[in-house]
Amino acid sequence: YVKSLAKQLGPKGIRVNAVAPGPIWTPLQVSGGATMEKLQKFGGQTPLGRPGQPAELGSIYVQLAAADASYANGQVYGAAGGSGQP
């Protein structure tokens, strides 16, 4: 979807990129009804052995919004603790 939109909208000067995060710890994990056992294991399967924090994604969004990323188009940026793109 991202690559297709990037090809269609690129000639109009519109860039399309995506961020594909892996397990990120947010309040939704606690309030979403997950069991304590599941919460304790959340993100443990990544090579880093832990879930990511929302702040660890921020720099990706900032880079995509920066003027020096003006040639990035049709890309999917993975942030999954070393697991590759989800």
C-alpha atoms as a PDB file:
ATOM      1  CA  TYR A   1       0.000   0.000   0.000  1.00  0.00           C
ATOM      2  CA  VAL A   2       2.765   2.416   0.986  1.00  0.00           C
ATOM      3  CA  LYS A   3       4.843   1.685  -2.099  1.00  0.00           C
ATOM      4  CA  SER A   4       1.827   1.993  -4.392  1.00  0.00           C
ATOM      5  CA  LEU A   5       0.754   5.323  -2.883  1.00  0.00           C
ATOM      6  CA  ALA A   6       4.336   6.595  -3.055  1.00  0.00           C
ATOM      7  CA  LYS A   7       4.431   5.862  -6.794  1.00  0.00           C
ATOM      8  CA  GLN A   8       1.062   7.506  -7.383  1.00  0.00           C
ATOM      9  CA  LEU A   9       1.607  10.599  -5.241  1.00  0.00           C
ATOM     10  CA  GLY A  10       5.345  11.131  -5.722  1.00  0.00           C
ATOM     11  CA  PRO A  11       4.908  13.090  -8.961  1.00  0.00           C
ATOM     12  CA  LYS A  12       2.687  15.509  -7.017  1.00  0.00           C
ATOM     13  CA  GLY A  13       5.423  16.071  -4.431  1.00  0.00           C
ATOM     14  CA  ILE A  14       3.723  13.967  -1.759  1.00  0.00           C
ATOM     15  CA  ARG A  15       5.904  11.442   0.030  1.00  0.00           C
ATOM     16  CA  VAL A  16       4.394   8.317   1.601  1.00  0.00           C
ATOM     17  CA  ASN A  17       6.293   6.329   4.230  1.00  0.00           C
ATOM     18  CA  ALA A  18       5.312   4.059   7.103  1.00  0.00           C
ATOM     19  CA  VAL A  19       6.605   3.058  10.520  1.00  0.00           C
ATOM     20  CA  ALA A  20       6.105  -0.599  11.438  1.00  0.00           C
ATOM     21  CA  PRO A  21       6.765  -1.010  15.157  1.00  0.00           C
ATOM     22  CA  GLY A  22       7.087  -4.311  16.922  1.00  0.00           C
ATOM     23  CA  PRO A  23       5.994  -4.743  20.534  1.00  0.00           C
ATOM     24  CA  ILE A  24       5.799  -1.280  22.116  1.00  0.00           C
ATOM     25  CA  TRP A  25       4.859  -0.878  25.778  1.00  0.00           C
ATOM     26  CA  THR A  26       1.883   1.446  26.198  1.00  0.00           C
ATOM     27  CA  PRO A  27      -0.927   1.756  28.778  1.00  0.00           C
ATOM     28  CA  LEU A  28      -3.074  -0.320  26.409  1.00  0.00           C
ATOM     29  CA  GLN A  29      -1.194  -3.470  27.400  1.00  0.00           C
ATOM     30  CA  VAL A  30      -2.303  -3.110  31.020  1.00  0.00           C
ATOM     31  CA  SER A  31      -5.832  -1.883  30.374  1.00  0.00           C
ATOM     32  CA  GLY A  32      -6.495  -4.177  27.420  1.00  0.00           C
ATOM     33  CA  GLY A  33      -7.300  -7.249  29.492  1.00  0.00           C
ATOM     34  CA  ALA A  34      -4.012  -9.118  29.042  1.00  0.00           C
ATOM     35  CA  THR A  35      -3.117 -11.616  31.744  1.00  0.00           C
ATOM     36  CA  MET A  36      -0.170 -10.947  34.058  1.00  0.00           C
ATOM     37  CA  GLU A  37       1.673 -13.883  32.485  1.00  0.00           C
ATOM     38  CA  LYS A  38       1.259 -12.376  29.037  1.00  0.00           C
ATOM     39  CA  LEU A  39       2.297  -8.925  30.284  1.00  0.00           C
ATOM     40  CA  GLN A  40       5.476 -10.337  31.824  1.00  0.00           C
ATOM     41  CA  LYS A  41       6.445 -12.000  28.520  1.00  0.00           C
ATOM     42  CA  PHE A  42       5.437  -9.042  26.306  1.00  0.00           C
ATOM     43  CA  GLY A  43       8.329  -8.137  24.023  1.00  0.00           C
ATOM     44  CA  GLY A  44      10.590 -10.813  25.477  1.00  0.00           C
ATOM     45  CA  GLN A  45      10.800 -12.648  22.152  1.00  0.00           C
ATOM     46  CA  THR A  46      12.728  -9.797  20.499  1.00  0.00           C
ATOM     47  CA  PRO A  47      16.531 -10.026  20.264  1.00  0.00           C
ATOM     48  CA  LEU A  48      16.716  -7.101  22.718  1.00  0.00           C
ATOM     49  CA  GLY A  49      14.579  -9.125  25.123  1.00  0.00           C
ATOM     50  CA  ARG A  50      12.162  -6.328  25.969  1.00  0.00           C
ATOM     51  CA  PRO A  51       9.361  -4.262  24.481  1.00  0.00           C
ATOM     52  CA  GLY A  52      10.155  -0.856  23.066  1.00  0.00           C
ATOM     53  CA  GLN A  53       9.088   2.416  24.598  1.00  0.00           C
ATOM     54  CA  PRO A  54       7.028   4.984  22.654  1.00  0.00           C
ATOM     55  CA  ALA A  55       9.867   7.505  22.952  1.00  0.00           C
ATOM     56  CA  GLU A  56      12.116   5.098  21.046  1.00  0.00           C
ATOM     57  CA  LEU A  57       9.929   5.568  17.951  1.00  0.00           C
ATOM     58  CA  GLY A  58       9.906   9.359  18.078  1.00  0.00           C
ATOM     59  CA  SER A  59      13.189   9.863  16.254  1.00  0.00           C
ATOM     60  CA  ILE A  60      11.885   7.877  13.268  1.00  0.00           C
ATOM     61  CA  TYR A  61       8.900  10.205  12.889  1.00  0.00           C
ATOM     62  CA  VAL A  62      11.081  13.279  13.378  1.00  0.00           C
ATOM     63  CA  GLN A  63      13.490  12.079  10.686  1.00  0.00           C
ATOM     64  CA  LEU A  64      10.663  11.443   8.230  1.00  0.00           C
ATOM     65  CA  ALA A  65       9.323  14.951   8.828  1.00  0.00           C
ATOM     66  CA  ALA A  66      12.736  16.592   8.445  1.00  0.00           C
ATOM     67  CA  ALA A  67      13.704  18.383   5.258  1.00  0.00           C
ATOM     68  CA  ASP A  68      16.796  16.219   4.832  1.00  0.00           C
ATOM     69  CA  ALA A  69      14.569  13.143   4.415  1.00  0.00           C
ATOM     70  CA  SER A  70      12.932  14.614   1.323  1.00  0.00           C
ATOM     71  CA  TYR A  71      14.169  11.730  -0.853  1.00  0.00           C
ATOM     72  CA  ALA A  72      12.660   9.022   1.386  1.00  0.00           C
ATOM     73  CA  ASN A  73       9.527   7.818  -0.343  1.00  0.00           C
ATOM     74  CA  GLY A  74       7.783   4.446  -0.312  1.00  0.00           C
ATOM     75  CA  GLN A  75       9.766   3.163   2.651  1.00  0.00           C
ATOM     76  CA  VAL A  76       8.665   1.108   5.630  1.00  0.00           C
ATOM     77  CA  TYR A  77      10.774   1.774   8.707  1.00  0.00           C
ATOM     78  CA  GLY A  78      10.820  -1.167  11.087  1.00  0.00           C
ATOM     79  CA  ALA A  79      11.427  -0.727  14.813  1.00  0.00           C
ATOM     80  CA  ALA A  80      11.024  -4.166  16.328  1.00  0.00           C
ATOM     81  CA  GLY A  81      13.949  -4.647  18.676  1.00  0.00           C
ATOM     82  CA  GLY A  82      15.981  -6.557  16.103  1.00  0.00           C
ATOM     83  CA  SER A  83      13.199  -8.848  14.933  1.00  0.00           C
ATOM     84  CA  GLY A  84      12.988  -7.260  11.492  1.00  0.00           C
ATOM     85  CA  GLN A  85       9.857  -5.722  10.136  1.00  0.00           C
ATOM     86  CA  PRO A  86       6.608  -7.094  11.552  1.00  0.00           C
END
